Amino acid sequence: MADGEFDMRAHRETYAGVMKLTTFTIAALIIIVVGLALGIISNLPLIGFGGMIFGLIALTIWALISD
């Protein structure tokens, strides 16, 4: 690539990847916080931990199959 050229397609692909990563990171953090809150509220840490694990596995599968 010569100086001054800008590959807009590569830029858009990178931007889309960063936005997807940010979206799934925020979703994972929300799942963790909700799982911790559920464990504290119910006084059953296993329910909160199980909910977090289930939610994170579901999020991972969704991230893998989404385009």
N, C-alpha and C. Protein backbone atom coordinates (compact mmCIF):
# COMPACT_ATOMS: atom_id res chain seq x y z
N MET A 1 0.85 -1.17 0.00
CA MET A 1 0.00 0.00 0.00
C MET A 1 0.90 1.24 0.00
N ALA A 2 0.63 2.12 -0.89
CA ALA A 2 1.40 3.35 -0.98
C ALA A 2 0.98 4.33 0.10
N ASP A 3 1.83 5.28 0.35
CA ASP A 3 1.49 6.31 1.34
C ASP A 3 0.26 7.08 0.90
N GLY A 4 -0.61 7.35 1.84
CA GLY A 4 -1.80 8.13 1.54
C GLY A 4 -3.00 7.30 1.16
N GLU A 5 -2.81 6.02 0.86
CA GLU A 5 -3.96 5.18 0.54
C GLU A 5 -4.59 4.69 1.83
N PHE A 6 -5.89 4.50 1.76
CA PHE A 6 -6.63 4.06 2.94
C PHE A 6 -7.56 2.94 2.52
N ASP A 7 -7.42 1.80 3.15
CA ASP A 7 -8.24 0.63 2.83
C ASP A 7 -9.51 0.68 3.68
N MET A 8 -10.56 1.25 3.11
CA MET A 8 -11.81 1.43 3.85
C MET A 8 -12.45 0.10 4.22
N ARG A 9 -12.34 -0.91 3.36
CA ARG A 9 -12.94 -2.21 3.65
C ARG A 9 -12.29 -2.84 4.88
N ALA A 10 -10.98 -2.78 4.95
CA ALA A 10 -10.27 -3.33 6.11
C ALA A 10 -10.62 -2.55 7.37
N HIS A 11 -10.76 -1.25 7.23
CA HIS A 11 -11.13 -0.42 8.37
C HIS A 11 -12.52 -0.81 8.90
N ARG A 12 -13.47 -0.98 8.00
CA ARG A 12 -14.83 -1.35 8.42
C ARG A 12 -14.86 -2.74 9.06
N GLU A 13 -14.09 -3.68 8.52
CA GLU A 13 -14.03 -5.02 9.11
C GLU A 13 -13.44 -4.98 10.52
N THR A 14 -12.40 -4.19 10.70
CA THR A 14 -11.78 -4.05 12.01
C THR A 14 -12.76 -3.40 12.98
N TYR A 15 -13.43 -2.36 12.55
CA TYR A 15 -14.41 -1.66 13.39
C TYR A 15 -15.54 -2.60 13.79
N ALA A 16 -16.04 -3.40 12.85
CA ALA A 16 -17.11 -4.34 13.15
C ALA A 16 -16.64 -5.38 14.16
N GLY A 17 -15.39 -5.84 14.03
CA GLY A 17 -14.84 -6.80 14.98
C GLY A 17 -14.72 -6.22 16.38
N VAL A 18 -14.26 -4.99 16.47
CA VAL A 18 -14.12 -4.34 17.78
C VAL A 18 -15.49 -4.12 18.41
N MET A 19 -16.47 -3.72 17.62
CA MET A 19 -17.82 -3.52 18.16
C MET A 19 -18.43 -4.83 18.64
N LYS A 20 -18.20 -5.92 17.90
CA LYS A 20 -18.72 -7.23 18.31
C LYS A 20 -18.06 -7.66 19.61
N LEU A 21 -16.75 -7.48 19.72
CA LEU A 21 -16.03 -7.84 20.94
C LEU A 21 -16.54 -7.02 22.12
N THR A 22 -16.75 -5.73 21.92
CA THR A 22 -17.25 -4.87 22.98
C THR A 22 -18.64 -5.29 23.43
N THR A 23 -19.51 -5.61 22.47
CA THR A 23 -20.87 -6.03 22.79
C THR A 23 -20.88 -7.31 23.62
N PHE A 24 -20.10 -8.29 23.21
CA PHE A 24 -20.07 -9.55 23.94
C PHE A 24 -19.37 -9.42 25.29
N THR A 25 -18.40 -8.53 25.41
CA THR A 25 -17.75 -8.29 26.69
C THR A 25 -18.72 -7.66 27.68
N ILE A 26 -19.49 -6.69 27.23
CA ILE A 26 -20.48 -6.06 28.10
C ILE A 26 -21.55 -7.06 28.50
N ALA A 27 -22.00 -7.90 27.57
CA ALA A 27 -22.99 -8.93 27.89
C ALA A 27 -22.43 -9.91 28.92
N ALA A 28 -21.16 -10.30 28.78
CA ALA A 28 -20.55 -11.22 29.74
C ALA A 28 -20.46 -10.58 31.12
N LEU A 29 -20.11 -9.31 31.19
CA LEU A 29 -20.05 -8.62 32.48
C LEU A 29 -21.42 -8.52 33.14
N ILE A 30 -22.45 -8.28 32.34
CA ILE A 30 -23.81 -8.23 32.88
C ILE A 30 -24.21 -9.60 33.42
N ILE A 31 -23.89 -10.67 32.70
CA ILE A 31 -24.20 -12.02 33.17
C ILE A 31 -23.50 -12.30 34.49
N ILE A 32 -22.23 -11.91 34.61
CA ILE A 32 -21.49 -12.15 35.85
C ILE A 32 -22.10 -11.37 37.00
N VAL A 33 -22.42 -10.11 36.79
CA VAL A 33 -22.99 -9.28 37.87
C VAL A 33 -24.35 -9.83 38.29
N VAL A 34 -25.19 -10.22 37.34
CA VAL A 34 -26.50 -10.78 37.67
C VAL A 34 -26.34 -12.10 38.42
N GLY A 35 -25.39 -12.93 38.02
CA GLY A 35 -25.14 -14.18 38.72
C GLY A 35 -24.68 -13.96 40.14
N LEU A 36 -23.79 -13.00 40.35
CA LEU A 36 -23.34 -12.68 41.70
C LEU A 36 -24.49 -12.15 42.55
N ALA A 37 -25.30 -11.28 41.98
CA ALA A 37 -26.44 -10.73 42.71
C ALA A 37 -27.45 -11.82 43.05
N LEU A 38 -27.68 -12.72 42.12
CA LEU A 38 -28.61 -13.83 42.36
C LEU A 38 -28.10 -14.72 43.47
N GLY A 39 -26.81 -14.98 43.51
CA GLY A 39 -26.23 -15.78 44.58
C GLY A 39 -26.35 -15.12 45.93
N ILE A 40 -26.20 -13.80 45.98
CA ILE A 40 -26.30 -13.08 47.25
C ILE A 40 -27.75 -13.01 47.71
N ILE A 41 -28.67 -12.71 46.80
CA ILE A 41 -30.08 -12.55 47.16
C ILE A 41 -30.68 -13.87 47.62
N SER A 42 -30.35 -14.96 46.94
CA SER A 42 -30.96 -16.24 47.27
C SER A 42 -30.23 -16.97 48.40
N ASN A 43 -29.10 -16.45 48.85
CA ASN A 43 -28.27 -17.10 49.86
C ASN A 43 -27.86 -18.51 49.45
N LEU A 44 -27.87 -18.78 48.16
CA LEU A 44 -27.43 -20.05 47.60
C LEU A 44 -26.39 -19.76 46.52
N PRO A 45 -25.13 -19.71 46.89
CA PRO A 45 -24.11 -19.35 45.92
C PRO A 45 -24.07 -20.29 44.71
N LEU A 46 -24.50 -21.53 44.90
CA LEU A 46 -24.48 -22.48 43.79
C LEU A 46 -25.44 -22.05 42.68
N ILE A 47 -26.57 -21.45 43.05
CA ILE A 47 -27.52 -20.97 42.04
C ILE A 47 -26.90 -19.82 41.25
N GLY A 48 -26.26 -18.89 41.93
CA GLY A 48 -25.61 -17.78 41.23
C GLY A 48 -24.47 -18.24 40.35
N PHE A 49 -23.66 -19.15 40.88
CA PHE A 49 -22.54 -19.67 40.11
C PHE A 49 -23.02 -20.47 38.91
N GLY A 50 -24.03 -21.30 39.12
CA GLY A 50 -24.59 -22.08 38.02
C GLY A 50 -25.20 -21.19 36.95
N GLY A 51 -25.87 -20.14 37.38
CA GLY A 51 -26.44 -19.19 36.42
C GLY A 51 -25.37 -18.48 35.62
N MET A 52 -24.28 -18.12 36.29
CA MET A 52 -23.18 -17.47 35.57
C MET A 52 -22.57 -18.41 34.54
N ILE A 53 -22.31 -19.63 34.94
CA ILE A 53 -21.70 -20.60 34.03
C ILE A 53 -22.62 -20.85 32.84
N PHE A 54 -23.90 -21.09 33.12
CA PHE A 54 -24.87 -21.33 32.04
C PHE A 54 -24.94 -20.13 31.11
N GLY A 55 -25.02 -18.93 31.67
CA GLY A 55 -25.10 -17.71 30.86
C GLY A 55 -23.86 -17.49 30.02
N LEU A 56 -22.68 -17.74 30.58
CA LEU A 56 -21.45 -17.54 29.83
C LEU A 56 -21.29 -18.58 28.73
N ILE A 57 -21.71 -19.81 29.00
CA ILE A 57 -21.67 -20.84 27.95
C ILE A 57 -22.62 -20.47 26.82
N ALA A 58 -23.83 -20.04 27.17
CA ALA A 58 -24.80 -19.64 26.15
C ALA A 58 -24.27 -18.44 25.34
N LEU A 59 -23.66 -17.49 26.01
CA LEU A 59 -23.09 -16.33 25.32
C LEU A 59 -21.96 -16.74 24.38
N THR A 60 -21.13 -17.67 24.82
CA THR A 60 -20.03 -18.15 23.98
C THR A 60 -20.56 -18.84 22.73
N ILE A 61 -21.57 -19.67 22.90
CA ILE A 61 -22.16 -20.35 21.74
C ILE A 61 -22.78 -19.34 20.79
N TRP A 62 -23.48 -18.35 21.34
CA TRP A 62 -24.09 -17.31 20.51
C TRP A 62 -23.01 -16.53 19.75
N ALA A 63 -21.90 -16.22 20.41
CA ALA A 63 -20.83 -15.50 19.75
C ALA A 63 -20.19 -16.30 18.63
N LEU A 64 -20.10 -17.61 18.83
CA LEU A 64 -19.49 -18.47 17.81
C LEU A 64 -20.37 -18.64 16.58
N ILE A 65 -21.70 -18.68 16.78
CA ILE A 65 -22.56 -18.91 15.64
C ILE A 65 -23.05 -17.63 14.97
N SER A 66 -22.89 -16.50 15.65
CA SER A 66 -23.34 -15.24 15.03
C SER A 66 -22.35 -14.80 13.97
N ASP A 67 -22.87 -14.06 13.02
CA ASP A 67 -22.02 -13.63 11.92
C ASP A 67 -21.41 -12.29 12.18
